[in-house]
Amino acid sequence: MKNHHDSLEGISTFVQVVESGSFTAAASELGHSVSYISKEVTRLEERLGARLLNRTTRSLSLTDIGRMYFEKTRNLVLEAREAEQSINSLQDKPVGRLKVSLPSSFGQTHLMPVVAEYMKRYPEIRLNVDFSSRLVDLAGEGFDVAVRLGESKDSNLISRKIAAFRMMTIASPAYIERHGAPAHPKDLMGHQAVKYVYNQMPITWDYVDENGKPVNIDAPLIAETNHLQMQQELILAGVGLGRLPEFLCKPLVDSGRLVALLEAFEPPKFGSYAVFPHRHFLSAKVRAFTDLLVEHFKDGI
């Protein structure tokens, strides 16, 4: 009969491989070599007498047995991680691994200095930062915290507001000269829109009308991108008009390279939030990270 220690060996490695999507990514996460990770999974398969993963040179996928085993063991590993984090939360200083998801554009323009400052303050943290425009599965992909523009509607996540920002509808002077300026949000239906796409879906534009009632506009699309700077570049080039966060385009409006439109119809400020999985406690490392974000943006973006 195998002892319990043997049974538990390799499980957390296997779960990490599935969460990360490859042996290489799992090795990076766990701080081991790829060969060590591969051997751990192979030993686990040998002990179970079943193949858990289909391996090819380019991809990794679960077998049917592997999928069932992952579903049964994933919660064990998550609980073990939570137990470890609950110990960490009792400590005064953040330690251990911190995996963070940041939105691509806002992350690059405003969050990199915060992350660098965090690492200077807490050198015992082992950091993993992922820049992405997609809505990551925090618990499923092993993220401790994510920063998102707009409030999360996921009841499994806790959110903490870190900053607020306005949206601006803008166009280049050349575009306005050719197409005119919309006087009302409904006029946008006769224009060409350069849109930001989030999580594979174009974002519709929300305004308030003269009576303060919401107006949702799905302006005709001429271009879409999941990168705010690319969207801004297309608007600057006169390809179409667009909607961007004030923190990104205000300097260009102030300099006259872009023109602000429909300002009377813009809704109140949107929030930027730190979100993390719903747990009974908040680890010291996550609490310190969100505290630093709030501190950084206390005077606005």
C-alpha atoms as a PDB file:
ATOM      1  CA  MET A   1       0.000   0.000   0.000  1.00  0.00           C
ATOM      2  CA  LYS A   2       1.330   3.432  -0.967  1.00  0.00           C
ATOM      3  CA  ASN A   3       1.745   5.887   1.863  1.00  0.00           C
ATOM      4  CA  HIS A   4      -0.109   9.202   1.868  1.00  0.00           C
ATOM      5  CA  HIS A   5       3.068  11.176   1.194  1.00  0.00           C
ATOM      6  CA  ASP A   6       3.565   9.333  -2.104  1.00  0.00           C
ATOM      7  CA  SER A   7      -0.062   9.993  -3.050  1.00  0.00           C
ATOM      8  CA  LEU A   8       0.318  13.738  -2.529  1.00  0.00           C
ATOM      9  CA  GLU A   9       3.636  14.071  -4.331  1.00  0.00           C
ATOM     10  CA  GLY A  10       3.273  15.641  -7.747  1.00  0.00           C
ATOM     11  CA  ILE A  11      -0.360  16.697  -7.374  1.00  0.00           C
ATOM     12  CA  SER A  12       0.388  20.402  -6.910  1.00  0.00           C
ATOM     13  CA  THR A  13       2.879  20.227  -9.795  1.00  0.00           C
ATOM     14  CA  PHE A  14       0.271  18.594 -12.054  1.00  0.00           C
ATOM     15  CA  VAL A  15      -2.361  21.214 -11.114  1.00  0.00           C
ATOM     16  CA  GLN A  16       0.118  24.030 -11.803  1.00  0.00           C
ATOM     17  CA  VAL A  17       0.968  22.561 -15.240  1.00  0.00           C
ATOM     18  CA  VAL A  18      -2.726  22.509 -16.169  1.00  0.00           C
ATOM     19  CA  GLU A  19      -3.303  26.052 -14.834  1.00  0.00           C
ATOM     20  CA  SER A  20      -0.212  27.418 -16.600  1.00  0.00           C
ATOM     21  CA  GLY A  21      -0.826  25.580 -19.865  1.00  0.00           C
ATOM     22  CA  SER A  22       2.713  24.231 -20.296  1.00  0.00           C
ATOM     23  CA  PHE A  23       5.636  22.623 -18.475  1.00  0.00           C
ATOM     24  CA  THR A  24       7.756  25.700 -19.201  1.00  0.00           C
ATOM     25  CA  ALA A  25       5.245  28.126 -17.681  1.00  0.00           C
ATOM     26  CA  ALA A  26       4.726  25.850 -14.657  1.00  0.00           C
ATOM     27  CA  ALA A  27       8.496  25.604 -14.156  1.00  0.00           C
ATOM     28  CA  SER A  28       8.687  29.405 -14.143  1.00  0.00           C
ATOM     29  CA  GLU A  29       5.808  29.626 -11.651  1.00  0.00           C
ATOM     30  CA  LEU A  30       7.248  27.051  -9.270  1.00  0.00           C
ATOM     31  CA  GLY A  31      10.922  27.962  -9.630  1.00  0.00           C
ATOM     32  CA  HIS A  32      12.032  24.539 -10.899  1.00  0.00           C
ATOM     33  CA  SER A  33      13.544  23.259 -14.129  1.00  0.00           C
ATOM     34  CA  VAL A  34      11.274  22.000 -16.914  1.00  0.00           C
ATOM     35  CA  SER A  35      12.794  18.518 -16.594  1.00  0.00           C
ATOM     36  CA  TYR A  36      11.949  18.434 -12.856  1.00  0.00           C
ATOM     37  CA  ILE A  37       8.332  19.409 -13.577  1.00  0.00           C
ATOM     38  CA  SER A  38       8.050  16.792 -16.332  1.00  0.00           C
ATOM     39  CA  LYS A  39       9.498  14.050 -14.118  1.00  0.00           C
ATOM     40  CA  GLU A  40       7.127  14.935 -11.253  1.00  0.00           C
ATOM     41  CA  VAL A  41       4.101  14.555 -13.540  1.00  0.00           C
ATOM     42  CA  THR A  42       5.472  11.331 -15.064  1.00  0.00           C
ATOM     43  CA  ARG A  43       6.022   9.850 -11.583  1.00  0.00           C
ATOM     44  CA  LEU A  44       2.464  10.806 -10.633  1.00  0.00           C
ATOM     45  CA  GLU A  45       1.113   9.102 -13.768  1.00  0.00           C
ATOM     46  CA  GLU A  46       3.161   5.993 -13.013  1.00  0.00           C
ATOM     47  CA  ARG A  47       1.825   5.850  -9.452  1.00  0.00           C
ATOM     48  CA  LEU A  48      -1.752   6.240 -10.716  1.00  0.00           C
ATOM     49  CA  GLY A  49      -1.227   3.834 -13.612  1.00  0.00           C
ATOM     50  CA  ALA A  50      -2.924   6.305 -15.963  1.00  0.00           C
ATOM     51  CA  ARG A  51      -1.909   8.990 -18.459  1.00  0.00           C
ATOM     52  CA  LEU A  52      -3.131  12.422 -17.341  1.00  0.00           C
ATOM     53  CA  LEU A  53      -1.715  14.615 -20.108  1.00  0.00           C
ATOM     54  CA  ASN A  54      -1.397  14.304 -23.873  1.00  0.00           C
ATOM     55  CA  ARG A  55       2.002  15.773 -24.729  1.00  0.00           C
ATOM     56  CA  THR A  56       3.013  17.004 -28.170  1.00  0.00           C
ATOM     57  CA  THR A  57       5.862  19.325 -29.093  1.00  0.00           C
ATOM     58  CA  ARG A  58       3.471  22.266 -29.485  1.00  0.00           C
ATOM     59  CA  SER A  59       0.599  21.652 -27.116  1.00  0.00           C
ATOM     60  CA  LEU A  60      -0.547  20.058 -23.911  1.00  0.00           C
ATOM     61  CA  SER A  61      -4.036  18.729 -23.258  1.00  0.00           C
ATOM     62  CA  LEU A  62      -5.778  16.702 -20.572  1.00  0.00           C
ATOM     63  CA  THR A  63      -6.882  13.143 -21.184  1.00  0.00           C
ATOM     64  CA  ASP A  64     -10.406  12.286 -20.009  1.00  0.00           C
ATOM     65  CA  ILE A  65      -8.940  10.723 -16.857  1.00  0.00           C
ATOM     66  CA  GLY A  66      -6.646  13.732 -16.465  1.00  0.00           C
ATOM     67  CA  ARG A  67      -9.603  16.118 -16.627  1.00  0.00           C
ATOM     68  CA  MET A  68     -11.473  14.173 -13.957  1.00  0.00           C
ATOM     69  CA  TYR A  69      -8.336  13.990 -11.770  1.00  0.00           C
ATOM     70  CA  PHE A  70      -7.697  17.742 -12.190  1.00  0.00           C
ATOM     71  CA  GLU A  71     -11.259  18.599 -11.141  1.00  0.00           C
ATOM     72  CA  LYS A  72     -10.893  16.451  -8.013  1.00  0.00           C
ATOM     73  CA  THR A  73      -7.406  17.634  -7.037  1.00  0.00           C
ATOM     74  CA  ARG A  74      -7.612  21.316  -7.961  1.00  0.00           C
ATOM     75  CA  ASN A  75      -9.621  22.220  -4.838  1.00  0.00           C
ATOM     76  CA  LEU A  76      -7.126  20.336  -2.671  1.00  0.00           C
ATOM     77  CA  VAL A  77      -4.283  22.409  -4.083  1.00  0.00           C
ATOM     78  CA  LEU A  78      -6.282  25.662  -3.813  1.00  0.00           C
ATOM     79  CA  GLU A  79      -7.037  24.869  -0.157  1.00  0.00           C
ATOM     80  CA  ALA A  80      -3.362  24.126   0.471  1.00  0.00           C
ATOM     81  CA  ARG A  81      -2.420  27.459  -1.122  1.00  0.00           C
ATOM     82  CA  GLU A  82      -5.030  29.228   0.988  1.00  0.00           C
ATOM     83  CA  ALA A  83      -3.715  27.555   4.129  1.00  0.00           C
ATOM     84  CA  GLU A  84      -0.238  28.790   3.243  1.00  0.00           C
ATOM     85  CA  GLN A  85      -1.553  32.277   2.540  1.00  0.00           C
ATOM     86  CA  SER A  86      -3.460  32.332   5.827  1.00  0.00           C
ATOM     87  CA  ILE A  87      -0.135  31.753   7.589  1.00  0.00           C
ATOM     88  CA  ASN A  88       1.436  34.499   5.478  1.00  0.00           C
ATOM     89  CA  SER A  89      -1.430  36.837   6.377  1.00  0.00           C
ATOM     90  CA  LEU A  90      -0.448  36.533  10.043  1.00  0.00           C
ATOM     91  CA  GLN A  91       3.009  37.797   9.229  1.00  0.00           C
ATOM     92  CA  ASP A  92       3.840  41.489   9.211  1.00  0.00           C
ATOM     93  CA  LYS A  93       5.657  41.495   5.898  1.00  0.00           C
ATOM     94  CA  PRO A  94       4.597  40.125   2.519  1.00  0.00           C
ATOM     95  CA  VAL A  95       6.473  36.986   1.451  1.00  0.00           C
ATOM     96  CA  GLY A  96       6.048  34.232  -1.136  1.00  0.00           C
ATOM     97  CA  ARG A  97       4.724  34.259  -4.676  1.00  0.00           C
ATOM     98  CA  LEU A  98       2.480  37.049  -5.986  1.00  0.00           C
ATOM     99  CA  LYS A  99       0.826  36.545  -9.362  1.00  0.00           C
ATOM    100  CA  VAL A 100      -0.737  39.739 -10.754  1.00  0.00           C
ATOM    101  CA  SER A 101      -2.875  40.396 -13.846  1.00  0.00           C
ATOM    102  CA  LEU A 102      -2.688  43.939 -15.258  1.00  0.00           C
ATOM    103  CA  PRO A 103      -4.641  45.456 -18.169  1.00  0.00           C
ATOM    104  CA  SER A 104      -2.278  45.959 -21.113  1.00  0.00           C
ATOM    105  CA  SER A 105      -2.528  49.680 -21.805  1.00  0.00           C
ATOM    106  CA  PHE A 106      -3.339  51.070 -18.352  1.00  0.00           C
ATOM    107  CA  GLY A 107      -0.764  48.696 -16.892  1.00  0.00           C
ATOM    108  CA  GLN A 108       1.962  49.991 -19.195  1.00  0.00           C
ATOM    109  CA  THR A 109       1.102  53.675 -18.823  1.00  0.00           C
ATOM    110  CA  HIS A 110       0.364  53.849 -15.084  1.00  0.00           C
ATOM    111  CA  LEU A 111       1.039  50.672 -13.132  1.00  0.00           C
ATOM    112  CA  MET A 112       4.643  49.657 -13.882  1.00  0.00           C
ATOM    113  CA  PRO A 113       6.142  52.179 -11.408  1.00  0.00           C
ATOM    114  CA  VAL A 114       3.783  50.875  -8.679  1.00  0.00           C
ATOM    115  CA  VAL A 115       4.889  47.280  -9.277  1.00  0.00           C
ATOM    116  CA  ALA A 116       8.556  48.329  -9.196  1.00  0.00           C
ATOM    117  CA  GLU A 117       8.008  50.235  -5.932  1.00  0.00           C
ATOM    118  CA  TYR A 118       6.258  47.183  -4.437  1.00  0.00           C
ATOM    119  CA  MET A 119       9.255  44.978  -5.230  1.00  0.00           C
ATOM    120  CA  LYS A 120      11.630  47.543  -3.704  1.00  0.00           C
ATOM    121  CA  ARG A 121       9.583  47.549  -0.497  1.00  0.00           C
ATOM    122  CA  TYR A 122       9.089  43.778  -0.307  1.00  0.00           C
ATOM    123  CA  PRO A 123      12.148  41.998  -1.748  1.00  0.00           C
ATOM    124  CA  GLU A 124      11.068  38.605  -0.375  1.00  0.00           C
ATOM    125  CA  ILE A 125       8.169  38.472  -2.837  1.00  0.00           C
ATOM    126  CA  ARG A 126       8.588  36.313  -5.931  1.00  0.00           C
ATOM    127  CA  LEU A 127       6.646  38.213  -8.579  1.00  0.00           C
ATOM    128  CA  ASN A 128       4.796  37.100 -11.703  1.00  0.00           C
ATOM    129  CA  VAL A 129       3.136  39.900 -13.727  1.00  0.00           C
ATOM    130  CA  ASP A 130       0.859  39.138 -16.680  1.00  0.00           C
ATOM    131  CA  PHE A 131      -0.241  41.948 -19.030  1.00  0.00           C
ATOM    132  CA  SER A 132      -3.458  41.026 -20.785  1.00  0.00           C
ATOM    133  CA  SER A 133      -6.570  42.574 -22.322  1.00  0.00           C
ATOM    134  CA  ARG A 134      -8.606  39.453 -21.595  1.00  0.00           C
ATOM    135  CA  LEU A 135     -10.661  38.758 -18.485  1.00  0.00           C
ATOM    136  CA  VAL A 136      -8.471  36.205 -16.713  1.00  0.00           C
ATOM    137  CA  ASP A 137      -9.943  33.512 -14.448  1.00  0.00           C
ATOM    138  CA  LEU A 138      -8.274  34.539 -11.191  1.00  0.00           C
ATOM    139  CA  ALA A 139      -8.803  31.380  -9.162  1.00  0.00           C
ATOM    140  CA  GLY A 140      -8.528  28.986 -12.112  1.00  0.00           C
ATOM    141  CA  GLU A 141      -5.266  30.498 -13.374  1.00  0.00           C
ATOM    142  CA  GLY A 142      -3.721  31.005  -9.954  1.00  0.00           C
ATOM    143  CA  PHE A 143      -3.801  34.827  -9.848  1.00  0.00           C
ATOM    144  CA  ASP A 144      -3.664  36.510  -6.448  1.00  0.00           C
ATOM    145  CA  VAL A 145      -4.910  39.893  -7.654  1.00  0.00           C
ATOM    146  CA  ALA A 146      -5.926  41.664 -10.874  1.00  0.00           C
ATOM    147  CA  VAL A 147      -6.413  45.312 -11.775  1.00  0.00           C
ATOM    148  CA  ARG A 148      -9.455  46.061 -13.918  1.00  0.00           C
ATOM    149  CA  LEU A 149     -11.004  49.158 -15.448  1.00  0.00           C
ATOM    150  CA  GLY A 150     -14.657  49.140 -14.428  1.00  0.00           C
ATOM    151  CA  GLU A 151     -16.344  47.276 -11.609  1.00  0.00           C
ATOM    152  CA  SER A 152     -16.363  43.476 -11.595  1.00  0.00           C
ATOM    153  CA  LYS A 153     -19.765  41.786 -11.786  1.00  0.00           C
ATOM    154  CA  ASP A 154     -18.310  38.445 -10.656  1.00  0.00           C
ATOM    155  CA  SER A 155     -19.738  37.571  -7.222  1.00  0.00           C
ATOM    156  CA  ASN A 156     -16.773  35.254  -6.584  1.00  0.00           C
ATOM    157  CA  LEU A 157     -14.429  38.249  -6.513  1.00  0.00           C
ATOM    158  CA  ILE A 158     -13.841  40.979  -3.964  1.00  0.00           C
ATOM    159  CA  SER A 159     -13.079  44.410  -5.422  1.00  0.00           C
ATOM    160  CA  ARG A 160     -11.392  47.479  -3.983  1.00  0.00           C
ATOM    161  CA  LYS A 161     -11.552  50.823  -5.775  1.00  0.00           C
ATOM    162  CA  ILE A 162      -8.102  52.245  -6.425  1.00  0.00           C
ATOM    163  CA  ALA A 163      -8.786  55.194  -8.760  1.00  0.00           C
ATOM    164  CA  ALA A 164     -11.434  56.939 -10.873  1.00  0.00           C
ATOM    165  CA  PHE A 165     -11.253  58.317 -14.393  1.00  0.00           C
ATOM    166  CA  ARG A 166     -13.460  59.990 -16.999  1.00  0.00           C
ATOM    167  CA  MET A 167     -14.008  58.851 -20.554  1.00  0.00           C
ATOM    168  CA  MET A 168     -13.641  61.335 -23.400  1.00  0.00           C
ATOM    169  CA  THR A 169     -15.105  61.165 -26.901  1.00  0.00           C
ATOM    170  CA  ILE A 170     -12.474  62.564 -29.228  1.00  0.00           C
ATOM    171  CA  ALA A 171     -11.579  63.072 -32.885  1.00  0.00           C
ATOM    172  CA  SER A 172      -8.800  64.721 -34.852  1.00  0.00           C
ATOM    173  CA  PRO A 173      -9.389  68.214 -36.300  1.00  0.00           C
ATOM    174  CA  ALA A 174      -8.973  66.682 -39.785  1.00  0.00           C
ATOM    175  CA  TYR A 175     -11.741  64.125 -39.131  1.00  0.00           C
ATOM    176  CA  ILE A 176     -14.107  66.865 -37.897  1.00  0.00           C
ATOM    177  CA  GLU A 177     -13.339  68.974 -40.940  1.00  0.00           C
ATOM    178  CA  ARG A 178     -14.352  66.071 -43.220  1.00  0.00           C
ATOM    179  CA  HIS A 179     -17.292  64.624 -41.256  1.00  0.00           C
ATOM    180  CA  GLY A 180     -18.473  67.365 -38.894  1.00  0.00           C
ATOM    181  CA  ALA A 181     -18.799  67.143 -35.090  1.00  0.00           C
ATOM    182  CA  PRO A 182     -21.673  65.224 -33.471  1.00  0.00           C
ATOM    183  CA  ALA A 183     -23.922  67.458 -31.349  1.00  0.00           C
ATOM    184  CA  HIS A 184     -25.677  64.568 -29.562  1.00  0.00           C
ATOM    185  CA  PRO A 185     -24.663  60.942 -28.823  1.00  0.00           C
ATOM    186  CA  LYS A 186     -27.297  59.731 -31.316  1.00  0.00           C
ATOM    187  CA  ASP A 187     -25.426  61.613 -34.051  1.00  0.00           C
ATOM    188  CA  LEU A 188     -22.615  59.078 -33.655  1.00  0.00           C
ATOM    189  CA  MET A 189     -24.662  56.624 -35.726  1.00  0.00           C
ATOM    190  CA  GLY A 190     -23.668  58.671 -38.769  1.00  0.00           C
ATOM    191  CA  HIS A 191     -19.943  58.517 -37.974  1.00  0.00           C
ATOM    192  CA  GLN A 192     -17.025  56.066 -38.197  1.00  0.00           C
ATOM    193  CA  ALA A 193     -15.913  54.655 -34.850  1.00  0.00           C
ATOM    194  CA  VAL A 194     -12.522  53.338 -33.777  1.00  0.00           C
ATOM    195  CA  LYS A 195     -13.387  51.008 -30.892  1.00  0.00           C
ATOM    196  CA  TYR A 196     -11.603  49.338 -28.036  1.00  0.00           C
ATOM    197  CA  VAL A 197     -12.276  45.596 -27.759  1.00  0.00           C
ATOM    198  CA  TYR A 198     -12.168  43.966 -24.315  1.00  0.00           C
ATOM    199  CA  ASN A 199     -12.373  40.228 -23.792  1.00  0.00           C
ATOM    200  CA  GLN A 200     -13.119  39.729 -27.525  1.00  0.00           C
ATOM    201  CA  MET A 201     -16.137  42.084 -27.389  1.00  0.00           C
ATOM    202  CA  PRO A 202     -16.326  45.683 -28.691  1.00  0.00           C
ATOM    203  CA  ILE A 203     -17.238  48.070 -25.878  1.00  0.00           C
ATOM    204  CA  THR A 204     -20.467  49.963 -26.543  1.00  0.00           C
ATOM    205  CA  TRP A 205     -20.461  53.638 -25.648  1.00  0.00           C
ATOM    206  CA  ASP A 206     -22.644  54.787 -22.752  1.00  0.00           C
ATOM    207  CA  TYR A 207     -23.725  58.405 -22.334  1.00  0.00           C
ATOM    208  CA  VAL A 208     -26.403  60.322 -20.427  1.00  0.00           C
ATOM    209  CA  ASP A 209     -28.891  62.414 -22.399  1.00  0.00           C
ATOM    210  CA  GLU A 210     -30.033  65.970 -21.592  1.00  0.00           C
ATOM    211  CA  ASN A 211     -32.473  64.509 -19.013  1.00  0.00           C
ATOM    212  CA  GLY A 212     -29.744  62.459 -17.318  1.00  0.00           C
ATOM    213  CA  LYS A 213     -31.071  59.169 -18.729  1.00  0.00           C
ATOM    214  CA  PRO A 214     -28.628  56.506 -20.026  1.00  0.00           C
ATOM    215  CA  VAL A 215     -28.053  56.374 -23.782  1.00  0.00           C
ATOM    216  CA  ASN A 216     -26.256  53.350 -25.206  1.00  0.00           C
ATOM    217  CA  ILE A 217     -24.693  53.895 -28.627  1.00  0.00           C
ATOM    218  CA  ASP A 218     -23.259  51.205 -30.888  1.00  0.00           C
ATOM    219  CA  ALA A 219     -21.631  53.527 -33.430  1.00  0.00           C
ATOM    220  CA  PRO A 220     -20.706  52.061 -36.866  1.00  0.00           C
ATOM    221  CA  LEU A 221     -17.311  50.414 -36.650  1.00  0.00           C
ATOM    222  CA  ILE A 222     -14.403  51.173 -38.960  1.00  0.00           C
ATOM    223  CA  ALA A 223     -11.623  49.686 -36.807  1.00  0.00           C
ATOM    224  CA  GLU A 224     -11.247  47.831 -33.508  1.00  0.00           C
ATOM    225  CA  THR A 225      -8.302  46.932 -31.306  1.00  0.00           C
ATOM    226  CA  ASN A 226      -7.559  45.660 -27.805  1.00  0.00           C
ATOM    227  CA  HIS A 227      -4.764  48.203 -27.366  1.00  0.00           C
ATOM    228  CA  LEU A 228      -5.592  51.746 -26.220  1.00  0.00           C
ATOM    229  CA  GLN A 229      -2.491  53.322 -27.787  1.00  0.00           C
ATOM    230  CA  MET A 230      -3.319  51.748 -31.149  1.00  0.00           C
ATOM    231  CA  GLN A 231      -6.867  53.086 -30.874  1.00  0.00           C
ATOM    232  CA  GLN A 232      -5.497  56.543 -30.066  1.00  0.00           C
ATOM    233  CA  GLU A 233      -3.082  56.398 -33.007  1.00  0.00           C
ATOM    234  CA  LEU A 234      -5.920  55.597 -35.431  1.00  0.00           C
ATOM    235  CA  ILE A 235      -8.002  58.465 -34.047  1.00  0.00           C
ATOM    236  CA  LEU A 236      -5.033  60.849 -34.364  1.00  0.00           C
ATOM    237  CA  ALA A 237      -4.664  59.723 -37.981  1.00  0.00           C
ATOM    238  CA  GLY A 238      -8.271  60.747 -38.670  1.00  0.00           C
ATOM    239  CA  VAL A 239      -9.473  57.201 -39.395  1.00  0.00           C
ATOM    240  CA  GLY A 240     -12.490  57.700 -37.140  1.00  0.00           C
ATOM    241  CA  LEU A 241     -13.634  59.184 -33.864  1.00  0.00           C
ATOM    242  CA  GLY A 242     -13.319  57.267 -30.616  1.00  0.00           C
ATOM    243  CA  ARG A 243     -13.687  57.126 -26.870  1.00  0.00           C
ATOM    244  CA  LEU A 244     -10.658  56.969 -24.592  1.00  0.00           C
ATOM    245  CA  PRO A 245      -9.870  57.366 -20.895  1.00  0.00           C
ATOM    246  CA  GLU A 246      -9.072  60.969 -19.997  1.00  0.00           C
ATOM    247  CA  PHE A 247      -5.725  59.960 -18.469  1.00  0.00           C
ATOM    248  CA  LEU A 248      -4.539  58.850 -21.900  1.00  0.00           C
ATOM    249  CA  CYS A 249      -5.854  61.497 -24.297  1.00  0.00           C
ATOM    250  CA  LYS A 250      -6.188  64.730 -22.252  1.00  0.00           C
ATOM    251  CA  PRO A 251      -2.637  65.937 -23.062  1.00  0.00           C
ATOM    252  CA  LEU A 252      -3.454  65.594 -26.767  1.00  0.00           C
ATOM    253  CA  VAL A 253      -6.725  67.499 -26.303  1.00  0.00           C
ATOM    254  CA  ASP A 254      -4.900  70.250 -24.388  1.00  0.00           C
ATOM    255  CA  SER A 255      -2.338  70.539 -27.207  1.00  0.00           C
ATOM    256  CA  GLY A 256      -5.038  70.691 -29.907  1.00  0.00           C
ATOM    257  CA  ARG A 257      -4.060  67.451 -31.655  1.00  0.00           C
ATOM    258  CA  LEU A 258      -7.418  65.983 -30.629  1.00  0.00           C
ATOM    259  CA  VAL A 259     -10.799  67.651 -30.035  1.00  0.00           C
ATOM    260  CA  ALA A 260     -13.116  66.688 -27.153  1.00  0.00           C
ATOM    261  CA  LEU A 261     -16.705  65.973 -28.234  1.00  0.00           C
ATOM    262  CA  LEU A 262     -20.033  65.481 -26.415  1.00  0.00           C
ATOM    263  CA  GLU A 263     -18.565  66.545 -23.065  1.00  0.00           C
ATOM    264  CA  ALA A 264     -22.008  67.495 -21.694  1.00  0.00           C
ATOM    265  CA  PHE A 265     -23.196  63.917 -22.236  1.00  0.00           C
ATOM    266  CA  GLU A 266     -20.327  62.023 -20.605  1.00  0.00           C
ATOM    267  CA  PRO A 267     -21.416  60.026 -17.530  1.00  0.00           C
ATOM    268  CA  PRO A 268     -19.747  60.317 -14.111  1.00  0.00           C
ATOM    269  CA  LYS A 269     -16.302  58.830 -13.598  1.00  0.00           C
ATOM    270  CA  PHE A 270     -15.557  55.138 -14.048  1.00  0.00           C
ATOM    271  CA  GLY A 271     -13.619  53.248 -11.414  1.00  0.00           C
ATOM    272  CA  SER A 272     -10.443  51.247 -11.606  1.00  0.00           C
ATOM    273  CA  TYR A 273     -10.436  48.302  -9.211  1.00  0.00           C
ATOM    274  CA  ALA A 274      -8.145  45.734  -7.664  1.00  0.00           C
ATOM    275  CA  VAL A 275      -9.980  42.388  -7.584  1.00  0.00           C
ATOM    276  CA  PHE A 276      -9.096  39.157  -5.852  1.00  0.00           C
ATOM    277  CA  PRO A 277     -10.742  35.780  -5.195  1.00  0.00           C
ATOM    278  CA  HIS A 278     -13.349  35.619  -2.428  1.00  0.00           C
ATOM    279  CA  ARG A 279     -11.565  34.268   0.649  1.00  0.00           C
ATOM    280  CA  HIS A 280     -12.051  34.460   4.407  1.00  0.00           C
ATOM    281  CA  PHE A 281      -8.813  36.411   4.747  1.00  0.00           C
ATOM    282  CA  LEU A 282      -6.592  38.669   2.695  1.00  0.00           C
ATOM    283  CA  SER A 283      -2.943  37.698   2.605  1.00  0.00           C
ATOM    284  CA  ALA A 284      -0.363  40.290   3.663  1.00  0.00           C
ATOM    285  CA  LYS A 285       1.162  40.335   0.178  1.00  0.00           C
ATOM    286  CA  VAL A 286      -2.153  41.154  -1.558  1.00  0.00           C
ATOM    287  CA  ARG A 287      -3.178  43.656   1.101  1.00  0.00           C
ATOM    288  CA  ALA A 288       0.180  45.454   0.756  1.00  0.00           C
ATOM    289  CA  PHE A 289      -0.149  45.521  -3.050  1.00  0.00           C
ATOM    290  CA  THR A 290      -3.658  47.015  -3.016  1.00  0.00           C
ATOM    291  CA  ASP A 291      -2.668  49.498  -0.272  1.00  0.00           C
ATOM    292  CA  LEU A 292       0.184  50.682  -2.482  1.00  0.00           C
ATOM    293  CA  LEU A 293      -2.150  51.094  -5.479  1.00  0.00           C
ATOM    294  CA  VAL A 294      -4.582  53.182  -3.417  1.00  0.00           C
ATOM    295  CA  GLU A 295      -1.688  55.263  -2.051  1.00  0.00           C
ATOM    296  CA  HIS A 296      -0.269  55.810  -5.560  1.00  0.00           C
ATOM    297  CA  PHE A 297      -3.575  57.097  -6.991  1.00  0.00           C
ATOM    298  CA  LYS A 298      -4.829  59.038  -3.968  1.00  0.00           C
ATOM    299  CA  ASP A 299      -4.442  62.342  -5.855  1.00  0.00           C
ATOM    300  CA  GLY A 300      -6.093  60.944  -9.008  1.00  0.00           C
ATOM    301  CA  ILE A 301      -4.756  59.336 -12.180  1.00  0.00           C
END
